[in-house]
């Protein structure tokens, strides 16, 4: 999914935006960001409001949009 394809789309239906790559909130291991929002702008705004430092610590344009049932498993580690 590209940033431009979800940038201006607006919908009443919520979507789950997921960032989960090696470059996401990396410390000793990769992190993960999940945001339930109507569009990408709202998702990024919610991340900024929750943790402004996170904005510079993940590739904003590399996300997945989940619109159907799906499970995510994220192991911790060092």
N, C-alpha and C. Protein backbone atom coordinates (compact mmCIF):
# COMPACT_ATOMS: atom_id res chain seq x y z
N UNK A 1 0.86 -1.17 0.00
CA UNK A 1 0.00 0.00 0.00
C UNK A 1 0.90 1.23 0.00
N UNK A 2 0.54 2.21 -0.80
CA UNK A 2 1.35 3.43 -0.81
C UNK A 2 0.63 4.54 -0.07
N UNK A 3 1.41 5.49 0.39
CA UNK A 3 0.86 6.61 1.15
C UNK A 3 -0.13 7.40 0.30
N UNK A 4 0.17 7.63 -0.96
CA UNK A 4 -0.71 8.45 -1.79
C UNK A 4 -2.05 7.77 -2.04
N UNK A 5 -2.10 6.45 -2.09
CA UNK A 5 -3.36 5.78 -2.36
C UNK A 5 -4.34 5.88 -1.20
N UNK A 6 -3.85 6.15 0.01
CA UNK A 6 -4.74 6.30 1.15
C UNK A 6 -4.73 7.71 1.72
N UNK A 7 -3.93 8.60 1.13
CA UNK A 7 -3.76 9.93 1.68
C UNK A 7 -5.05 10.74 1.69
N UNK A 8 -5.76 10.79 0.59
CA UNK A 8 -6.93 11.66 0.51
C UNK A 8 -8.26 10.93 0.62
N UNK A 9 -8.21 9.62 0.69
CA UNK A 9 -9.46 8.88 0.79
C UNK A 9 -10.05 9.05 2.19
N UNK A 10 -11.32 9.32 2.23
CA UNK A 10 -12.01 9.47 3.50
C UNK A 10 -13.17 8.50 3.51
N UNK A 11 -13.46 7.97 4.66
CA UNK A 11 -14.53 6.99 4.75
C UNK A 11 -15.10 6.99 6.14
N UNK A 12 -16.34 6.58 6.25
CA UNK A 12 -16.96 6.43 7.56
C UNK A 12 -16.48 5.13 8.21
N UNK A 13 -15.98 4.20 7.39
CA UNK A 13 -15.52 2.92 7.90
C UNK A 13 -14.09 3.04 8.44
N UNK A 14 -13.88 2.51 9.63
CA UNK A 14 -12.54 2.52 10.21
C UNK A 14 -11.67 1.45 9.55
N UNK A 15 -10.38 1.75 9.47
CA UNK A 15 -9.40 0.82 8.91
C UNK A 15 -8.27 0.70 9.92
N UNK A 16 -7.61 -0.44 9.92
CA UNK A 16 -6.46 -0.63 10.80
C UNK A 16 -5.20 -0.41 9.97
N UNK A 17 -4.44 0.63 10.32
CA UNK A 17 -3.18 0.94 9.67
C UNK A 17 -2.08 0.30 10.50
N UNK A 18 -1.21 -0.48 9.85
CA UNK A 18 -0.18 -1.23 10.57
C UNK A 18 1.19 -0.95 9.95
N UNK A 19 2.13 -0.58 10.81
CA UNK A 19 3.53 -0.43 10.42
C UNK A 19 4.29 -1.51 11.19
N UNK A 20 4.92 -2.45 10.48
CA UNK A 20 5.64 -3.54 11.15
C UNK A 20 6.82 -4.03 10.32
N UNK A 21 7.86 -3.25 10.29
CA UNK A 21 9.06 -3.66 9.56
C UNK A 21 10.28 -3.46 10.44
N UNK A 22 11.43 -3.77 9.92
CA UNK A 22 12.67 -3.62 10.70
C UNK A 22 12.94 -2.17 11.08
N UNK A 23 12.34 -1.22 10.37
CA UNK A 23 12.62 0.20 10.61
C UNK A 23 11.60 0.88 11.53
N UNK A 24 10.74 0.12 12.20
CA UNK A 24 9.69 0.71 13.03
C UNK A 24 10.10 0.70 14.50
N UNK A 25 10.18 1.89 15.09
CA UNK A 25 10.46 2.05 16.52
C UNK A 25 11.58 1.11 16.98
N UNK A 26 12.64 1.08 16.21
CA UNK A 26 13.72 0.13 16.46
C UNK A 26 14.56 0.55 17.66
N UNK A 27 14.76 -0.37 18.57
CA UNK A 27 15.69 -0.22 19.68
C UNK A 27 16.64 -1.41 19.53
N UNK A 28 16.44 -2.46 20.29
CA UNK A 28 17.20 -3.70 20.09
C UNK A 28 16.51 -4.61 19.09
N UNK A 29 15.20 -4.50 19.01
CA UNK A 29 14.42 -5.28 18.05
C UNK A 29 13.41 -4.35 17.39
N UNK A 30 12.87 -4.72 16.22
CA UNK A 30 11.87 -3.89 15.56
C UNK A 30 10.60 -3.74 16.39
N UNK A 31 9.92 -2.64 16.22
CA UNK A 31 8.65 -2.41 16.90
C UNK A 31 7.48 -2.53 15.94
N UNK A 32 6.34 -2.09 16.41
CA UNK A 32 5.12 -2.19 15.61
C UNK A 32 4.19 -1.05 16.01
N UNK A 33 3.51 -0.47 15.05
CA UNK A 33 2.51 0.57 15.32
C UNK A 33 1.22 0.13 14.65
N UNK A 34 0.12 0.15 15.40
CA UNK A 34 -1.21 -0.14 14.86
C UNK A 34 -2.13 1.02 15.23
N UNK A 35 -2.86 1.52 14.26
CA UNK A 35 -3.76 2.65 14.49
C UNK A 35 -5.10 2.38 13.80
N UNK A 36 -6.17 2.51 14.54
CA UNK A 36 -7.51 2.39 13.98
C UNK A 36 -7.98 3.79 13.63
N UNK A 37 -8.16 4.05 12.33
CA UNK A 37 -8.50 5.40 11.87
C UNK A 37 -9.30 5.31 10.58
N UNK A 38 -9.85 6.46 10.18
CA UNK A 38 -10.63 6.54 8.94
C UNK A 38 -9.75 6.68 7.71
N UNK A 39 -8.58 7.32 7.87
CA UNK A 39 -7.67 7.53 6.74
C UNK A 39 -6.25 7.72 7.26
N UNK A 40 -5.29 7.82 6.35
CA UNK A 40 -3.89 7.92 6.73
C UNK A 40 -3.60 9.19 7.52
N UNK A 41 -4.17 10.31 7.10
CA UNK A 41 -3.92 11.57 7.82
C UNK A 41 -4.33 11.45 9.28
N UNK A 42 -5.49 10.86 9.51
CA UNK A 42 -5.96 10.69 10.88
C UNK A 42 -5.04 9.73 11.65
N UNK A 43 -4.57 8.67 11.00
CA UNK A 43 -3.68 7.72 11.65
C UNK A 43 -2.39 8.40 12.10
N UNK A 44 -1.78 9.18 11.21
CA UNK A 44 -0.53 9.87 11.55
C UNK A 44 -0.78 10.90 12.64
N UNK A 45 -1.90 11.60 12.58
CA UNK A 45 -2.25 12.58 13.61
C UNK A 45 -2.38 11.89 14.98
N UNK A 46 -3.02 10.74 15.01
CA UNK A 46 -3.18 10.01 16.27
C UNK A 46 -1.84 9.54 16.82
N UNK A 47 -0.94 9.10 15.95
CA UNK A 47 0.40 8.71 16.40
C UNK A 47 1.12 9.91 17.00
N UNK A 48 1.05 11.04 16.31
CA UNK A 48 1.71 12.27 16.79
C UNK A 48 1.15 12.68 18.15
N UNK A 49 -0.16 12.57 18.33
CA UNK A 49 -0.77 12.94 19.61
C UNK A 49 -0.38 11.97 20.72
N UNK A 50 -0.25 10.72 20.38
CA UNK A 50 0.07 9.68 21.38
C UNK A 50 1.54 9.74 21.79
N UNK A 51 2.42 9.90 20.79
CA UNK A 51 3.86 9.90 21.05
C UNK A 51 4.57 10.61 19.91
N UNK A 52 4.78 11.90 20.06
CA UNK A 52 5.38 12.71 19.01
C UNK A 52 6.76 12.23 18.59
N UNK A 53 7.50 11.60 19.49
CA UNK A 53 8.83 11.08 19.17
C UNK A 53 8.74 9.95 18.15
N UNK A 54 7.66 9.21 18.17
CA UNK A 54 7.51 8.07 17.25
C UNK A 54 7.51 8.49 15.79
N UNK A 55 7.04 9.69 15.50
CA UNK A 55 6.90 10.14 14.11
C UNK A 55 8.21 10.01 13.32
N UNK A 56 9.33 10.31 13.90
CA UNK A 56 10.60 10.21 13.19
C UNK A 56 11.23 8.83 13.24
N UNK A 57 10.54 7.87 13.81
CA UNK A 57 11.13 6.56 14.03
C UNK A 57 10.42 5.41 13.33
N UNK A 58 9.82 5.71 12.20
CA UNK A 58 9.23 4.67 11.36
C UNK A 58 8.99 5.25 9.97
N UNK A 59 9.03 4.39 8.94
CA UNK A 59 8.78 4.87 7.58
C UNK A 59 7.27 5.08 7.37
N UNK A 60 6.84 6.31 7.38
CA UNK A 60 5.41 6.64 7.31
C UNK A 60 4.75 6.05 6.06
N UNK A 61 5.50 5.91 4.98
CA UNK A 61 4.92 5.44 3.73
C UNK A 61 4.92 3.92 3.56
N UNK A 62 5.37 3.17 4.55
CA UNK A 62 5.39 1.71 4.45
C UNK A 62 4.42 1.11 5.47
N UNK A 63 3.18 1.01 5.09
CA UNK A 63 2.15 0.52 6.00
C UNK A 63 1.24 -0.47 5.29
N UNK A 64 0.47 -1.19 6.08
CA UNK A 64 -0.56 -2.08 5.55
C UNK A 64 -1.90 -1.54 6.05
N UNK A 65 -2.92 -1.72 5.27
CA UNK A 65 -4.27 -1.36 5.69
C UNK A 65 -5.08 -2.64 5.79
N UNK A 66 -5.61 -2.89 6.96
CA UNK A 66 -6.36 -4.11 7.22
C UNK A 66 -7.85 -3.76 7.25
N UNK A 67 -8.62 -4.40 6.37
CA UNK A 67 -10.06 -4.13 6.30
C UNK A 67 -10.88 -5.40 6.44
N UNK A 68 -10.21 -6.49 6.81
CA UNK A 68 -10.90 -7.77 7.02
C UNK A 68 -10.25 -8.46 8.21
N UNK A 69 -10.87 -9.47 8.77
CA UNK A 69 -10.29 -10.13 9.93
C UNK A 69 -8.85 -10.61 9.68
N UNK A 70 -8.00 -10.32 10.63
CA UNK A 70 -6.60 -10.74 10.53
C UNK A 70 -6.01 -10.76 11.94
N UNK A 71 -5.07 -11.64 12.18
CA UNK A 71 -4.39 -11.73 13.47
C UNK A 71 -2.96 -11.24 13.33
N UNK A 72 -2.46 -10.62 14.38
CA UNK A 72 -1.07 -10.17 14.43
C UNK A 72 -0.44 -10.75 15.67
N UNK A 73 0.80 -11.22 15.53
CA UNK A 73 1.53 -11.74 16.66
C UNK A 73 2.87 -11.03 16.69
N UNK A 74 3.20 -10.44 17.82
CA UNK A 74 4.43 -9.67 17.94
C UNK A 74 5.19 -10.17 19.16
N UNK A 75 6.27 -10.90 18.93
CA UNK A 75 7.10 -11.41 20.03
C UNK A 75 8.01 -10.31 20.54
N UNK A 76 8.25 -10.29 21.80
CA UNK A 76 9.22 -9.37 22.38
C UNK A 76 10.61 -9.99 22.30
N UNK A 77 11.61 -9.23 22.60
CA UNK A 77 12.95 -9.78 22.57
C UNK A 77 13.97 -8.72 22.87
N UNK A 78 15.20 -9.11 22.80
CA UNK A 78 16.28 -8.16 23.02
C UNK A 78 17.33 -8.28 21.96
